[in-house]
Each structure stands twice: as C-alpha cells, then as structure tokens.
C-alpha cells in the first residue's frame, strides 16, 4: 500500500545559483516583460549564452544540451511503447 499524502519533490541541483542575476518571479504586468535578451548559463555544460527572452524556470539548457535531452526523452518513450 502506498502512504497517503503528497509526495515531496526533491530537487537535485539548485539551478538558481547558476543564474543569480535573473529574478524568476513572474511579472505582474503583462506585455514585453519576457522579450529582453538575457545572459544565462547552461545547467549541463556551464556554457554562457544569450536567450532572446527571460526564462521562467532556472533550469536552462543551451541548444546542443537541449537537443540531447529531448533525444533521450524520445528514445525512452519509444522503448516504452514497443
């Protein structure tokens, strides 16, 4: 039997430490708030790069790491369906 109650999510890394200069709180005013270019650091390879928007989450990946991550997810989904 499973224990009752909410399962606590355990965060492996504190991604906010990599990109301390970004306030990840959502802005109250809508509009162009997320359309500013932002300097960020990839959480996987630690490479600096510029995003054309302000990220909502501190877990940010560069293009190559993002593609690798998505490829792994697709492979795992294909294995589960076979």
Foldseek 3Di string as FASTA:
>chain_A
DDDDDDDDDDDPDDLCVQVVVADLDDDPDDDCQFQPKDWGAAPPPRDIDIDRTRDNDSHDHDPVVVVVVVVVVVVVVVVVVD
